[in-house]
Amino acid sequence: MLKLFQKRDFLVRAMLGFFLGMICLGMLVYLVPSGPGAIDDSGTAVASVDGQVITLLEVNTKLQRLAGQQQIPAALRGLYARQLVDQLVFERMLEIEARRLDIRVTDQEHADRIKRLLPVVYSGDTFIGKDRYTAEVQQRFNMNVQEFEDLIRLSLLEDKFRHLVTDGITASPEEIQLEFRRRNEKVKIEYALLKPDDLAASI
């Protein structure tokens, strides 16, 4: 039983390690320019992943949106900007790996996620209209429709990668029950302590 769980833990670690390695490789690609055309000559590019440029405008847009949601101390803006660059690099790497593995988000999956996040844009199964949809997205998420839908697609891709790692790991009901008992069952022992000196005095 223990070997079975150890084997599964190893597989999970191996898969997560693989994806982490891919992300690290992508970060190496964008940190080390690969030629004159790798980084935009205008100076607005802050990173490049497999030829896809991440611009300063993208980072600033996300930073401004974040600043609208929470107070960012001026001394920490650089740190936040760096984290946003890393996030954008991760998103690009996710898309590249999804294309390589032919992992796709269907229109139905996309629509279902929008319905779940914004149920008000549907009256039953009828779409309320693009204008009201745009207004709802702007009001609730402070972004335009294209950014909102791209974010949903990336979220669905992340879910698919997560399922790719975890779906192959299964445990039967018996295994789950045995593991639950191993972790939670306790043994209660009652005993009496007899000292020879105390017994000798009573004889």
N, C-alpha and C. Protein backbone atom coordinates (compact mmCIF):
# COMPACT_ATOMS: atom_id res chain seq x y z
N MET A 1 0.84 -1.21 0.00
CA MET A 1 0.00 0.00 0.00
C MET A 1 0.87 1.25 0.00
N LEU A 2 1.86 1.27 0.91
CA LEU A 2 2.72 2.44 1.02
C LEU A 2 3.50 2.65 -0.26
N LYS A 3 3.95 1.52 -0.87
CA LYS A 3 4.70 1.63 -2.12
C LYS A 3 3.83 2.19 -3.24
N LEU A 4 2.55 1.81 -3.22
CA LEU A 4 1.62 2.31 -4.23
C LEU A 4 1.48 3.82 -4.15
N PHE A 5 1.29 4.34 -2.94
CA PHE A 5 1.15 5.79 -2.76
C PHE A 5 2.46 6.51 -3.06
N GLN A 6 3.58 5.90 -2.69
CA GLN A 6 4.87 6.51 -2.98
C GLN A 6 5.10 6.60 -4.49
N LYS A 7 4.67 5.55 -5.22
CA LYS A 7 4.82 5.55 -6.67
C LYS A 7 3.98 6.66 -7.30
N ARG A 8 2.75 6.82 -6.79
CA ARG A 8 1.89 7.87 -7.32
C ARG A 8 2.45 9.25 -7.00
N ASP A 9 2.96 9.42 -5.78
CA ASP A 9 3.56 10.70 -5.41
C ASP A 9 4.74 11.01 -6.32
N PHE A 10 5.52 9.98 -6.65
CA PHE A 10 6.67 10.18 -7.54
C PHE A 10 6.21 10.62 -8.93
N LEU A 11 5.14 10.00 -9.44
CA LEU A 11 4.63 10.36 -10.76
C LEU A 11 4.14 11.80 -10.78
N VAL A 12 3.44 12.21 -9.72
CA VAL A 12 2.97 13.59 -9.64
C VAL A 12 4.14 14.55 -9.64
N ARG A 13 5.15 14.24 -8.80
CA ARG A 13 6.32 15.11 -8.73
C ARG A 13 7.04 15.17 -10.08
N ALA A 14 7.11 14.03 -10.76
CA ALA A 14 7.80 13.98 -12.05
C ALA A 14 7.09 14.84 -13.09
N MET A 15 5.75 14.73 -13.14
CA MET A 15 5.00 15.52 -14.11
C MET A 15 5.09 17.01 -13.80
N LEU A 16 4.93 17.37 -12.52
CA LEU A 16 5.05 18.77 -12.15
C LEU A 16 6.45 19.30 -12.41
N GLY A 17 7.45 18.45 -12.16
CA GLY A 17 8.83 18.84 -12.44
C GLY A 17 9.06 19.10 -13.93
N PHE A 18 8.40 18.27 -14.77
CA PHE A 18 8.52 18.45 -16.22
C PHE A 18 7.97 19.81 -16.64
N PHE A 19 6.75 20.13 -16.16
CA PHE A 19 6.13 21.40 -16.53
C PHE A 19 6.93 22.58 -15.98
N LEU A 20 7.46 22.43 -14.76
CA LEU A 20 8.29 23.49 -14.20
C LEU A 20 9.55 23.69 -15.02
N GLY A 21 10.11 22.57 -15.48
CA GLY A 21 11.30 22.66 -16.33
C GLY A 21 11.02 23.38 -17.64
N MET A 22 9.83 23.12 -18.22
CA MET A 22 9.46 23.81 -19.45
C MET A 22 9.34 25.32 -19.22
N ILE A 23 8.75 25.68 -18.07
CA ILE A 23 8.59 27.10 -17.76
C ILE A 23 9.96 27.75 -17.55
N CYS A 24 10.84 27.05 -16.83
CA CYS A 24 12.19 27.58 -16.61
C CYS A 24 12.94 27.75 -17.92
N LEU A 25 12.77 26.78 -18.83
CA LEU A 25 13.41 26.87 -20.14
C LEU A 25 12.89 28.09 -20.90
N GLY A 26 11.57 28.31 -20.79
CA GLY A 26 10.98 29.49 -21.44
C GLY A 26 11.53 30.78 -20.87
N MET A 27 11.71 30.81 -19.54
CA MET A 27 12.27 32.00 -18.92
C MET A 27 13.70 32.23 -19.39
N LEU A 28 14.44 31.13 -19.57
CA LEU A 28 15.80 31.26 -20.08
C LEU A 28 15.79 31.82 -21.49
N VAL A 29 14.82 31.37 -22.29
CA VAL A 29 14.71 31.84 -23.68
C VAL A 29 14.47 33.34 -23.71
N TYR A 30 13.58 33.83 -22.81
CA TYR A 30 13.30 35.27 -22.88
C TYR A 30 14.36 36.11 -22.18
N LEU A 31 15.13 35.52 -21.27
CA LEU A 31 16.18 36.30 -20.61
C LEU A 31 17.43 36.43 -21.47
N VAL A 32 17.65 35.44 -22.35
CA VAL A 32 18.83 35.47 -23.21
C VAL A 32 18.40 35.77 -24.64
N PRO A 33 18.68 36.94 -25.17
CA PRO A 33 18.28 37.27 -26.54
C PRO A 33 18.91 36.31 -27.52
N SER A 34 18.12 35.91 -28.53
CA SER A 34 18.62 34.92 -29.49
C SER A 34 19.08 35.56 -30.79
N GLY A 35 19.03 36.87 -30.89
CA GLY A 35 19.48 37.52 -32.12
C GLY A 35 18.99 38.95 -32.17
N PRO A 36 19.34 39.67 -33.24
CA PRO A 36 18.96 41.07 -33.33
C PRO A 36 17.46 41.28 -33.32
N GLY A 37 16.68 40.32 -33.88
CA GLY A 37 15.23 40.49 -33.95
C GLY A 37 14.50 39.93 -32.75
N ALA A 38 15.22 39.38 -31.78
CA ALA A 38 14.55 38.74 -30.66
C ALA A 38 13.87 39.74 -29.76
N ILE A 39 14.48 40.92 -29.60
CA ILE A 39 13.90 41.97 -28.75
C ILE A 39 13.60 43.18 -29.62
N ASP A 40 12.44 43.73 -29.44
CA ASP A 40 12.00 44.87 -30.23
C ASP A 40 13.01 46.02 -30.13
N ASP A 41 13.41 46.56 -31.29
CA ASP A 41 14.39 47.65 -31.31
C ASP A 41 13.85 48.93 -30.68
N SER A 42 12.53 49.07 -30.57
CA SER A 42 11.95 50.30 -30.02
C SER A 42 12.17 50.40 -28.52
N GLY A 43 12.58 49.30 -27.88
CA GLY A 43 12.82 49.32 -26.44
C GLY A 43 11.57 49.07 -25.61
N THR A 44 10.42 48.81 -26.26
CA THR A 44 9.19 48.58 -25.50
C THR A 44 9.03 47.12 -25.10
N ALA A 45 9.84 46.22 -25.65
CA ALA A 45 9.75 44.80 -25.32
C ALA A 45 10.53 44.52 -24.05
N VAL A 46 9.91 43.79 -23.14
CA VAL A 46 10.60 43.43 -21.90
C VAL A 46 10.96 41.96 -21.85
N ALA A 47 10.34 41.15 -22.73
CA ALA A 47 10.63 39.72 -22.76
C ALA A 47 10.21 39.15 -24.10
N SER A 48 10.77 38.00 -24.43
CA SER A 48 10.41 37.31 -25.67
C SER A 48 10.38 35.81 -25.39
N VAL A 49 9.27 35.18 -25.74
CA VAL A 49 9.13 33.73 -25.53
C VAL A 49 8.84 33.09 -26.87
N ASP A 50 9.79 32.32 -27.37
CA ASP A 50 9.63 31.63 -28.65
C ASP A 50 9.20 32.60 -29.76
N GLY A 51 9.81 33.78 -29.75
CA GLY A 51 9.51 34.77 -30.78
C GLY A 51 8.32 35.66 -30.47
N GLN A 52 7.57 35.36 -29.41
CA GLN A 52 6.43 36.19 -29.03
C GLN A 52 6.91 37.25 -28.03
N VAL A 53 6.72 38.50 -28.39
CA VAL A 53 7.22 39.61 -27.58
C VAL A 53 6.21 40.01 -26.52
N ILE A 54 6.70 40.23 -25.31
CA ILE A 54 5.90 40.80 -24.22
C ILE A 54 6.33 42.25 -24.08
N THR A 55 5.38 43.15 -24.24
CA THR A 55 5.72 44.58 -24.27
C THR A 55 5.53 45.23 -22.91
N LEU A 56 6.18 46.38 -22.79
CA LEU A 56 6.04 47.19 -21.58
C LEU A 56 4.60 47.65 -21.41
N LEU A 57 3.91 47.87 -22.54
CA LEU A 57 2.51 48.30 -22.49
C LEU A 57 1.64 47.24 -21.82
N GLU A 58 1.87 45.96 -22.16
CA GLU A 58 1.10 44.87 -21.54
C GLU A 58 1.32 44.86 -20.02
N VAL A 59 2.57 45.00 -19.62
CA VAL A 59 2.89 44.97 -18.19
C VAL A 59 2.25 46.15 -17.47
N ASN A 60 2.36 47.34 -18.06
CA ASN A 60 1.78 48.54 -17.44
C ASN A 60 0.27 48.45 -17.35
N THR A 61 -0.36 47.88 -18.38
CA THR A 61 -1.82 47.72 -18.36
C THR A 61 -2.25 46.85 -17.20
N LYS A 62 -1.56 45.71 -17.02
CA LYS A 62 -1.89 44.82 -15.91
C LYS A 62 -1.58 45.47 -14.56
N LEU A 63 -0.49 46.23 -14.52
CA LEU A 63 -0.11 46.90 -13.27
C LEU A 63 -1.15 47.96 -12.88
N GLN A 64 -1.64 48.70 -13.87
CA GLN A 64 -2.67 49.71 -13.59
C GLN A 64 -3.97 49.06 -13.12
N ARG A 65 -4.32 47.93 -13.74
CA ARG A 65 -5.54 47.23 -13.32
C ARG A 65 -5.39 46.73 -11.88
N LEU A 66 -4.21 46.22 -11.58
CA LEU A 66 -3.95 45.73 -10.22
C LEU A 66 -3.98 46.89 -9.23
N ALA A 67 -3.44 48.03 -9.63
CA ALA A 67 -3.43 49.20 -8.75
C ALA A 67 -4.84 49.70 -8.49
N GLY A 68 -5.75 49.47 -9.44
CA GLY A 68 -7.13 49.86 -9.24
C GLY A 68 -7.86 48.97 -8.26
N GLN A 69 -7.33 47.75 -8.06
CA GLN A 69 -7.97 46.79 -7.15
C GLN A 69 -7.37 46.85 -5.75
N GLN A 70 -6.12 47.22 -5.64
CA GLN A 70 -5.45 47.29 -4.34
C GLN A 70 -4.37 48.36 -4.36
N GLN A 71 -4.03 48.83 -3.19
CA GLN A 71 -2.99 49.87 -3.07
C GLN A 71 -1.61 49.24 -3.22
N ILE A 72 -0.82 49.75 -4.16
CA ILE A 72 0.54 49.24 -4.36
C ILE A 72 1.53 50.31 -3.92
N PRO A 73 2.34 50.06 -2.89
CA PRO A 73 3.35 51.03 -2.47
C PRO A 73 4.32 51.32 -3.62
N ALA A 74 4.72 52.56 -3.73
CA ALA A 74 5.61 52.97 -4.83
C ALA A 74 6.91 52.16 -4.82
N ALA A 75 7.40 51.83 -3.62
CA ALA A 75 8.67 51.10 -3.52
C ALA A 75 8.55 49.67 -4.04
N LEU A 76 7.32 49.15 -4.12
CA LEU A 76 7.12 47.76 -4.53
C LEU A 76 6.63 47.63 -5.97
N ARG A 77 6.46 48.73 -6.66
CA ARG A 77 5.94 48.67 -8.03
C ARG A 77 6.86 47.86 -8.95
N GLY A 78 8.16 48.01 -8.76
CA GLY A 78 9.11 47.25 -9.57
C GLY A 78 8.97 45.74 -9.35
N LEU A 79 8.79 45.35 -8.07
CA LEU A 79 8.62 43.93 -7.74
C LEU A 79 7.33 43.39 -8.36
N TYR A 80 6.25 44.18 -8.25
CA TYR A 80 4.98 43.76 -8.84
C TYR A 80 5.11 43.64 -10.36
N ALA A 81 5.82 44.59 -10.98
CA ALA A 81 6.00 44.55 -12.43
C ALA A 81 6.76 43.29 -12.85
N ARG A 82 7.77 42.94 -12.05
CA ARG A 82 8.55 41.73 -12.37
C ARG A 82 7.68 40.48 -12.27
N GLN A 83 6.83 40.42 -11.25
CA GLN A 83 5.93 39.28 -11.10
C GLN A 83 4.94 39.20 -12.26
N LEU A 84 4.50 40.37 -12.73
CA LEU A 84 3.58 40.38 -13.86
C LEU A 84 4.27 39.91 -15.14
N VAL A 85 5.55 40.27 -15.30
CA VAL A 85 6.31 39.77 -16.45
C VAL A 85 6.40 38.24 -16.38
N ASP A 86 6.70 37.71 -15.19
CA ASP A 86 6.77 36.26 -15.02
C ASP A 86 5.43 35.60 -15.34
N GLN A 87 4.34 36.25 -14.93
CA GLN A 87 3.01 35.71 -15.21
C GLN A 87 2.74 35.68 -16.71
N LEU A 88 3.11 36.75 -17.41
CA LEU A 88 2.91 36.80 -18.86
C LEU A 88 3.77 35.76 -19.57
N VAL A 89 4.98 35.55 -19.09
CA VAL A 89 5.85 34.51 -19.65
C VAL A 89 5.22 33.14 -19.46
N PHE A 90 4.68 32.90 -18.25
CA PHE A 90 4.01 31.62 -17.97
C PHE A 90 2.83 31.41 -18.92
N GLU A 91 2.06 32.47 -19.16
CA GLU A 91 0.90 32.36 -20.05
C GLU A 91 1.34 32.01 -21.46
N ARG A 92 2.41 32.66 -21.93
CA ARG A 92 2.92 32.35 -23.28
C ARG A 92 3.40 30.90 -23.36
N MET A 93 4.13 30.47 -22.33
CA MET A 93 4.62 29.09 -22.31
C MET A 93 3.47 28.09 -22.28
N LEU A 94 2.42 28.43 -21.55
CA LEU A 94 1.24 27.56 -21.48
C LEU A 94 0.62 27.40 -22.87
N GLU A 95 0.50 28.50 -23.59
CA GLU A 95 -0.08 28.43 -24.93
C GLU A 95 0.80 27.62 -25.88
N ILE A 96 2.11 27.80 -25.77
CA ILE A 96 3.04 27.07 -26.64
C ILE A 96 2.95 25.57 -26.36
N GLU A 97 2.96 25.21 -25.08
CA GLU A 97 2.89 23.79 -24.70
C GLU A 97 1.54 23.19 -25.08
N ALA A 98 0.47 23.98 -24.97
CA ALA A 98 -0.86 23.50 -25.36
C ALA A 98 -0.90 23.19 -26.85
N ARG A 99 -0.30 24.06 -27.65
CA ARG A 99 -0.25 23.80 -29.10
C ARG A 99 0.57 22.55 -29.39
N ARG A 100 1.68 22.39 -28.67
CA ARG A 100 2.54 21.22 -28.91
C ARG A 100 1.82 19.92 -28.58
N LEU A 101 1.02 19.94 -27.51
CA LEU A 101 0.29 18.74 -27.09
C LEU A 101 -1.11 18.65 -27.69
N ASP A 102 -1.44 19.63 -28.54
CA ASP A 102 -2.76 19.69 -29.17
C ASP A 102 -3.88 19.72 -28.13
N ILE A 103 -3.69 20.52 -27.09
CA ILE A 103 -4.72 20.73 -26.07
C ILE A 103 -5.48 21.99 -26.44
N ARG A 104 -6.80 21.86 -26.61
CA ARG A 104 -7.59 22.99 -27.09
C ARG A 104 -8.78 23.23 -26.17
N VAL A 105 -9.22 24.49 -26.17
CA VAL A 105 -10.44 24.88 -25.46
C VAL A 105 -11.54 25.02 -26.49
N THR A 106 -12.62 24.26 -26.33
CA THR A 106 -13.71 24.32 -27.30
C THR A 106 -14.58 25.55 -27.05
N ASP A 107 -15.33 25.93 -28.07
CA ASP A 107 -16.25 27.08 -27.94
C ASP A 107 -17.29 26.82 -26.85
N GLN A 108 -17.73 25.56 -26.74
CA GLN A 108 -18.73 25.24 -25.72
C GLN A 108 -18.16 25.38 -24.31
N GLU A 109 -16.92 24.91 -24.12
CA GLU A 109 -16.27 25.05 -22.81
C GLU A 109 -16.10 26.53 -22.47
N HIS A 110 -15.74 27.31 -23.47
CA HIS A 110 -15.55 28.75 -23.28
C HIS A 110 -16.87 29.41 -22.88
N ALA A 111 -17.94 29.08 -23.61
CA ALA A 111 -19.25 29.67 -23.32
C ALA A 111 -19.76 29.24 -21.94
N ASP A 112 -19.53 27.97 -21.58
CA ASP A 112 -19.98 27.48 -20.26
C ASP A 112 -19.27 28.22 -19.13
N ARG A 113 -17.98 28.51 -19.29
CA ARG A 113 -17.25 29.22 -18.25
C ARG A 113 -17.74 30.67 -18.14
N ILE A 114 -18.03 31.29 -19.29
CA ILE A 114 -18.58 32.66 -19.25
C ILE A 114 -19.92 32.66 -18.53
N LYS A 115 -20.76 31.64 -18.83
CA LYS A 115 -22.07 31.54 -18.17
C LYS A 115 -21.91 31.42 -16.66
N ARG A 116 -20.91 30.66 -16.25
CA ARG A 116 -20.70 30.47 -14.82
C ARG A 116 -20.20 31.75 -14.14
N LEU A 117 -19.32 32.48 -14.82
CA LEU A 117 -18.76 33.70 -14.23
C LEU A 117 -19.71 34.89 -14.35
N LEU A 118 -20.46 34.94 -15.45
CA LEU A 118 -21.38 36.06 -15.69
C LEU A 118 -22.77 35.53 -16.08
N PRO A 119 -23.48 34.95 -15.14
CA PRO A 119 -24.81 34.40 -15.48
C PRO A 119 -25.79 35.46 -15.96
N VAL A 120 -25.53 36.73 -15.59
CA VAL A 120 -26.48 37.80 -15.97
C VAL A 120 -26.48 38.08 -17.47
N VAL A 121 -25.45 37.63 -18.20
CA VAL A 121 -25.41 37.93 -19.64
C VAL A 121 -26.27 36.96 -20.44
N TYR A 122 -26.89 36.00 -19.75
CA TYR A 122 -27.80 35.07 -20.42
C TYR A 122 -29.16 35.14 -19.74
N SER A 123 -30.18 35.20 -20.54
CA SER A 123 -31.55 35.09 -20.04
C SER A 123 -32.04 33.71 -20.47
N GLY A 124 -31.95 32.75 -19.54
CA GLY A 124 -32.16 31.35 -19.94
C GLY A 124 -30.97 30.91 -20.75
N ASP A 125 -31.22 30.54 -22.01
CA ASP A 125 -30.13 30.19 -22.93
C ASP A 125 -29.91 31.28 -23.97
N THR A 126 -30.57 32.43 -23.80
CA THR A 126 -30.49 33.51 -24.78
C THR A 126 -29.47 34.56 -24.34
N PHE A 127 -28.55 34.88 -25.23
CA PHE A 127 -27.52 35.89 -24.97
C PHE A 127 -28.17 37.26 -24.94
N ILE A 128 -27.84 38.09 -23.96
CA ILE A 128 -28.52 39.39 -23.78
C ILE A 128 -28.06 40.44 -24.78
N GLY A 129 -26.97 40.20 -25.46
CA GLY A 129 -26.49 41.17 -26.45
C GLY A 129 -25.08 41.64 -26.13
N LYS A 130 -24.36 41.99 -27.20
CA LYS A 130 -22.94 42.34 -27.06
C LYS A 130 -22.73 43.60 -26.22
N ASP A 131 -23.61 44.58 -26.38
CA ASP A 131 -23.43 45.85 -25.65
C ASP A 131 -23.54 45.64 -24.14
N ARG A 132 -24.57 44.92 -23.70
CA ARG A 132 -24.72 44.68 -22.27
C ARG A 132 -23.63 43.76 -21.74
N TYR A 133 -23.23 42.81 -22.56
CA TYR A 133 -22.13 41.91 -22.19
C TYR A 133 -20.85 42.71 -21.97
N THR A 134 -20.54 43.62 -22.91
CA THR A 134 -19.35 44.47 -22.80
C THR A 134 -19.39 45.32 -21.54
N ALA A 135 -20.58 45.88 -21.26
CA ALA A 135 -20.73 46.74 -20.08
C ALA A 135 -20.54 45.94 -18.79
N GLU A 136 -21.08 44.72 -18.75
CA GLU A 136 -20.94 43.87 -17.56
C GLU A 136 -19.48 43.50 -17.32
N VAL A 137 -18.77 43.15 -18.39
CA VAL A 137 -17.35 42.78 -18.26
C VAL A 137 -16.54 43.97 -17.76
N GLN A 138 -16.79 45.14 -18.32
CA GLN A 138 -16.07 46.34 -17.92
C GLN A 138 -16.35 46.69 -16.46
N GLN A 139 -17.61 46.58 -16.08
CA GLN A 139 -17.99 46.96 -14.72
C GLN A 139 -17.46 45.98 -13.67
N ARG A 140 -17.57 44.69 -13.96
CA ARG A 140 -17.20 43.68 -12.94
C ARG A 140 -15.72 43.37 -12.91
N PHE A 141 -15.08 43.38 -14.07
CA PHE A 141 -13.68 42.93 -14.13
C PHE A 141 -12.70 44.02 -14.55
N ASN A 142 -13.21 45.19 -14.90
CA ASN A 142 -12.35 46.31 -15.28
C ASN A 142 -11.40 45.95 -16.42
N MET A 143 -11.95 45.31 -17.45
CA MET A 143 -11.17 44.95 -18.63
C MET A 143 -12.10 44.87 -19.83
N ASN A 144 -11.52 44.89 -21.02
CA ASN A 144 -12.36 44.77 -22.21
C ASN A 144 -12.69 43.30 -22.48
N VAL A 145 -13.60 43.09 -23.42
CA VAL A 145 -14.10 41.73 -23.69
C VAL A 145 -12.98 40.81 -24.16
N GLN A 146 -12.10 41.32 -25.03
CA GLN A 146 -11.02 40.47 -25.55
C GLN A 146 -10.11 39.99 -24.43
N GLU A 147 -9.73 40.88 -23.53
CA GLU A 147 -8.88 40.49 -22.39
C GLU A 147 -9.60 39.48 -21.51
N PHE A 148 -10.88 39.73 -21.26
CA PHE A 148 -11.67 38.84 -20.41
C PHE A 148 -11.74 37.43 -21.01
N GLU A 149 -12.03 37.35 -22.30
CA GLU A 149 -12.16 36.04 -22.95
C GLU A 149 -10.82 35.33 -23.08
N ASP A 150 -9.74 36.10 -23.29
CA ASP A 150 -8.40 35.49 -23.31
C ASP A 150 -8.05 34.91 -21.95
N LEU A 151 -8.42 35.64 -20.90
CA LEU A 151 -8.17 35.17 -19.53
C LEU A 151 -8.92 33.89 -19.23
N ILE A 152 -10.16 33.81 -19.69
CA ILE A 152 -10.97 32.59 -19.51
C ILE A 152 -10.33 31.42 -20.25
N ARG A 153 -9.89 31.67 -21.47
CA ARG A 153 -9.27 30.58 -22.25
C ARG A 153 -7.99 30.07 -21.57
N LEU A 154 -7.19 30.99 -21.03
CA LEU A 154 -5.98 30.58 -20.32
C LEU A 154 -6.31 29.79 -19.06
N SER A 155 -7.36 30.22 -18.37
CA SER A 155 -7.78 29.51 -17.17
C SER A 155 -8.22 28.08 -17.50
N LEU A 156 -8.94 27.93 -18.61
CA LEU A 156 -9.38 26.59 -19.03
C LEU A 156 -8.18 25.73 -19.45
N LEU A 157 -7.19 26.36 -20.09
CA LEU A 157 -5.98 25.61 -20.46
C LEU A 157 -5.25 25.13 -19.22
N GLU A 158 -5.14 25.99 -18.20
CA GLU A 158 -4.50 25.58 -16.95
C GLU A 158 -5.24 24.40 -16.32
N ASP A 159 -6.57 24.46 -16.34
CA ASP A 159 -7.37 23.35 -15.81
C ASP A 159 -7.07 22.06 -16.55
N LYS A 160 -6.96 22.15 -17.87
CA LYS A 160 -6.69 20.95 -18.67
C LYS A 160 -5.31 20.36 -18.35
N PHE A 161 -4.31 21.24 -18.17
CA PHE A 161 -2.98 20.75 -17.80
C PHE A 161 -3.01 20.10 -16.42
N ARG A 162 -3.74 20.71 -15.49
CA ARG A 162 -3.85 20.15 -14.14
C ARG A 162 -4.49 18.77 -14.18
N HIS A 163 -5.55 18.64 -14.99
CA HIS A 163 -6.21 17.33 -15.12
C HIS A 163 -5.29 16.32 -15.80
N LEU A 164 -4.48 16.81 -16.74
CA LEU A 164 -3.54 15.92 -17.43
C LEU A 164 -2.58 15.26 -16.43
N VAL A 165 -2.19 16.03 -15.41
CA VAL A 165 -1.27 15.51 -14.40
C VAL A 165 -1.99 14.61 -13.40
N THR A 166 -3.19 15.01 -12.97
CA THR A 166 -3.84 14.30 -11.85
C THR A 166 -4.80 13.20 -12.27
N ASP A 167 -5.31 13.22 -13.51
CA ASP A 167 -6.32 12.23 -13.89
C ASP A 167 -5.78 10.81 -13.93
N GLY A 168 -4.49 10.66 -14.19
CA GLY A 168 -3.91 9.32 -14.24
C GLY A 168 -3.66 8.72 -12.87
N ILE A 169 -3.92 9.49 -11.83
CA ILE A 169 -3.67 9.01 -10.47
C ILE A 169 -5.01 8.61 -9.87
N THR A 170 -5.20 7.33 -9.66
CA THR A 170 -6.47 6.85 -9.13
C THR A 170 -6.21 5.95 -7.92
N ALA A 171 -7.20 5.87 -7.08
CA ALA A 171 -7.15 4.97 -5.92
C ALA A 171 -8.52 4.34 -5.77
N SER A 172 -8.54 3.03 -5.52
CA SER A 172 -9.80 2.33 -5.35
C SER A 172 -10.43 2.71 -4.01
N PRO A 173 -11.75 2.49 -3.85
CA PRO A 173 -12.39 2.77 -2.55
C PRO A 173 -11.73 2.04 -1.39
N GLU A 174 -11.28 0.80 -1.65
CA GLU A 174 -10.62 0.03 -0.59
C GLU A 174 -9.31 0.69 -0.17
N GLU A 175 -8.55 1.16 -1.16
CA GLU A 175 -7.28 1.83 -0.85
C GLU A 175 -7.51 3.11 -0.07
N ILE A 176 -8.53 3.86 -0.46
CA ILE A 176 -8.85 5.10 0.26
C ILE A 176 -9.25 4.80 1.70
N GLN A 177 -10.07 3.75 1.87
CA GLN A 177 -10.52 3.39 3.22
C GLN A 177 -9.35 2.94 4.10
N LEU A 178 -8.46 2.13 3.54
CA LEU A 178 -7.29 1.66 4.30
C LEU A 178 -6.39 2.83 4.69
N GLU A 179 -6.18 3.76 3.75
CA GLU A 179 -5.33 4.91 4.04
C GLU A 179 -5.98 5.81 5.09
N PHE A 180 -7.30 5.96 5.02
CA PHE A 180 -8.01 6.75 6.02
C PHE A 180 -7.85 6.13 7.40
N ARG A 181 -8.01 4.82 7.47
CA ARG A 181 -7.85 4.14 8.75
C ARG A 181 -6.43 4.28 9.28
N ARG A 182 -5.46 4.13 8.39
CA ARG A 182 -4.06 4.23 8.82
C ARG A 182 -3.77 5.59 9.43
N ARG A 183 -4.36 6.65 8.84
CA ARG A 183 -4.06 8.00 9.30
C ARG A 183 -4.91 8.41 10.50
N ASN A 184 -6.08 7.82 10.67
CA ASN A 184 -7.01 8.35 11.66
C ASN A 184 -7.34 7.41 12.82
N GLU A 185 -7.20 6.10 12.63
CA GLU A 185 -7.56 5.20 13.72
C GLU A 185 -6.50 5.22 14.80
N LYS A 186 -6.94 5.28 16.04
CA LYS A 186 -6.04 5.28 17.18
C LYS A 186 -6.36 4.07 18.06
N VAL A 187 -5.37 3.61 18.78
CA VAL A 187 -5.55 2.49 19.70
C VAL A 187 -5.53 3.03 21.12
N LYS A 188 -6.56 2.66 21.89
CA LYS A 188 -6.63 3.10 23.28
C LYS A 188 -6.28 1.90 24.16
N ILE A 189 -5.29 2.06 24.99
CA ILE A 189 -4.81 0.96 25.86
C ILE A 189 -5.04 1.36 27.32
N GLU A 190 -5.67 0.46 28.07
CA GLU A 190 -5.83 0.67 29.51
C GLU A 190 -4.91 -0.31 30.23
N TYR A 191 -4.23 0.18 31.23
CA TYR A 191 -3.31 -0.69 31.95
C TYR A 191 -3.26 -0.25 33.41
N ALA A 192 -2.78 -1.17 34.25
CA ALA A 192 -2.61 -0.88 35.68
C ALA A 192 -1.14 -1.03 36.02
N LEU A 193 -0.63 -0.09 36.79
CA LEU A 193 0.77 -0.11 37.17
C LEU A 193 0.88 -0.67 38.59
N LEU A 194 1.58 -1.77 38.72
CA LEU A 194 1.79 -2.43 40.02
C LEU A 194 3.26 -2.36 40.38
N LYS A 195 3.53 -1.82 41.58
CA LYS A 195 4.91 -1.73 42.04
C LYS A 195 5.17 -2.84 43.07
N PRO A 196 6.24 -3.58 42.94
CA PRO A 196 6.53 -4.69 43.89
C PRO A 196 6.58 -4.22 45.34
N ASP A 197 7.10 -3.04 45.61
CA ASP A 197 7.19 -2.56 46.99
C ASP A 197 5.81 -2.39 47.61
N ASP A 198 4.86 -1.85 46.82
CA ASP A 198 3.52 -1.65 47.33
C ASP A 198 2.84 -2.99 47.63
N LEU A 199 3.09 -3.99 46.77
CA LEU A 199 2.50 -5.33 47.00
C LEU A 199 3.11 -5.99 48.22
N ALA A 200 4.38 -5.83 48.41
CA ALA A 200 5.06 -6.48 49.56
C ALA A 200 4.50 -5.92 50.88
N ALA A 201 4.17 -4.66 50.93
CA ALA A 201 3.66 -4.07 52.17
C ALA A 201 2.29 -4.59 52.53
N SER A 202 1.52 -5.02 51.52
CA SER A 202 0.16 -5.50 51.79
C SER A 202 0.08 -7.00 52.04
N ILE A 203 1.17 -7.73 51.85
CA ILE A 203 1.15 -9.19 52.08
C ILE A 203 1.43 -9.47 53.55
